[in-house]
Amino acid sequence: MEKQKFIECLDELIDLSDKWAKDAEKREDWNSATYYEGQVKAYEQIKRIIQREIDQHLQV
């Protein structure tokens, strides 16, 4: 899978986890809300790492 497609997949995962976190907050299910917020942060971190790799290869 090319890196840009991987980033698009991560964006989809970020959006989905964010929706689940908001839903859990509405239900006052704080354990699930915290879990899904952690997923969002992890996916965002992975996305930054991949984006940095792409940027470095473009500079070479």
C-alpha atoms as a PDB file:
ATOM      1  CA  MET A   1       0.000   0.000   0.000  1.00  0.00           C
ATOM      2  CA  GLU A   2       1.392   3.379  -0.875  1.00  0.00           C
ATOM      3  CA  LYS A   3       1.993   5.802   1.957  1.00  0.00           C
ATOM      4  CA  GLN A   4      -0.625   8.348   0.890  1.00  0.00           C
ATOM      5  CA  LYS A   5      -3.323   5.657   0.787  1.00  0.00           C
ATOM      6  CA  PHE A   6      -2.196   4.519   4.247  1.00  0.00           C
ATOM      7  CA  ILE A   7      -2.633   8.078   5.541  1.00  0.00           C
ATOM      8  CA  GLU A   8      -6.149   8.171   4.078  1.00  0.00           C
ATOM      9  CA  CYS A   9      -6.951   4.931   5.914  1.00  0.00           C
ATOM     10  CA  LEU A  10      -5.617   6.420   9.150  1.00  0.00           C
ATOM     11  CA  ASP A  11      -7.837   9.470   8.622  1.00  0.00           C
ATOM     12  CA  GLU A  12     -10.837   7.159   8.346  1.00  0.00           C
ATOM     13  CA  LEU A  13      -9.833   5.356  11.550  1.00  0.00           C
ATOM     14  CA  ILE A  14      -9.363   8.690  13.333  1.00  0.00           C
ATOM     15  CA  ASP A  15     -12.821   9.854  12.267  1.00  0.00           C
ATOM     16  CA  LEU A  16     -14.446   6.577  13.280  1.00  0.00           C
ATOM     17  CA  SER A  17     -12.780   6.439  16.693  1.00  0.00           C
ATOM     18  CA  ASP A  18     -13.661  10.085  17.285  1.00  0.00           C
ATOM     19  CA  LYS A  19     -17.328   9.358  16.530  1.00  0.00           C
ATOM     20  CA  TRP A  20     -17.284   6.386  18.900  1.00  0.00           C
ATOM     21  CA  ALA A  21     -15.683   8.518  21.637  1.00  0.00           C
ATOM     22  CA  LYS A  22     -18.343  11.209  21.254  1.00  0.00           C
ATOM     23  CA  ASP A  23     -21.090   8.586  21.326  1.00  0.00           C
ATOM     24  CA  ALA A  24     -19.627   7.072  24.494  1.00  0.00           C
ATOM     25  CA  GLU A  25     -19.501  10.528  26.088  1.00  0.00           C
ATOM     26  CA  LYS A  26     -23.181  11.080  25.291  1.00  0.00           C
ATOM     27  CA  ARG A  27     -23.957   7.782  26.999  1.00  0.00           C
ATOM     28  CA  GLU A  28     -21.652   8.780  29.878  1.00  0.00           C
ATOM     29  CA  ASP A  29     -19.622   5.620  29.302  1.00  0.00           C
ATOM     30  CA  TRP A  30     -16.351   7.149  30.423  1.00  0.00           C
ATOM     31  CA  ASN A  31     -14.283   3.971  30.106  1.00  0.00           C
ATOM     32  CA  SER A  32     -15.183   3.601  26.422  1.00  0.00           C
ATOM     33  CA  ALA A  33     -14.821   7.330  25.797  1.00  0.00           C
ATOM     34  CA  THR A  34     -11.296   7.279  27.219  1.00  0.00           C
ATOM     35  CA  TYR A  35     -10.426   4.158  25.242  1.00  0.00           C
ATOM     36  CA  TYR A  36     -11.570   5.649  21.919  1.00  0.00           C
ATOM     37  CA  GLU A  37      -9.879   8.975  22.640  1.00  0.00           C
ATOM     38  CA  GLY A  38      -6.672   6.998  23.183  1.00  0.00           C
ATOM     39  CA  GLN A  39      -7.170   5.354  19.799  1.00  0.00           C
ATOM     40  CA  VAL A  40      -7.566   8.757  18.141  1.00  0.00           C
ATOM     41  CA  LYS A  41      -4.310   9.968  19.698  1.00  0.00           C
ATOM     42  CA  ALA A  42      -2.460   6.805  18.665  1.00  0.00           C
ATOM     43  CA  TYR A  43      -3.706   7.003  15.061  1.00  0.00           C
ATOM     44  CA  GLU A  44      -2.790  10.690  14.900  1.00  0.00           C
ATOM     45  CA  GLN A  45       0.717   9.914  16.132  1.00  0.00           C
ATOM     46  CA  ILE A  46       1.163   7.162  13.547  1.00  0.00           C
ATOM     47  CA  LYS A  47      -0.109   9.545  10.866  1.00  0.00           C
ATOM     48  CA  ARG A  48       2.471  12.183  11.882  1.00  0.00           C
ATOM     49  CA  ILE A  49       5.260   9.599  11.713  1.00  0.00           C
ATOM     50  CA  ILE A  50       4.219   8.418   8.232  1.00  0.00           C
ATOM     51  CA  GLN A  51       3.743  12.007   7.028  1.00  0.00           C
ATOM     52  CA  ARG A  52       7.230  12.891   8.291  1.00  0.00           C
ATOM     53  CA  GLU A  53       8.647   9.935   6.326  1.00  0.00           C
ATOM     54  CA  ILE A  54       6.865  11.091   3.182  1.00  0.00           C
ATOM     55  CA  ASP A  55       8.142  14.640   3.646  1.00  0.00           C
ATOM     56  CA  GLN A  56      11.716  13.415   4.151  1.00  0.00           C
ATOM     57  CA  HIS A  57      11.606  11.365   0.953  1.00  0.00           C
ATOM     58  CA  LEU A  58      10.290  14.359  -0.999  1.00  0.00           C
ATOM     59  CA  GLN A  59      13.229  16.472   0.181  1.00  0.00           C
ATOM     60  CA  VAL A  60      15.818  13.978  -1.055  1.00  0.00           C
END
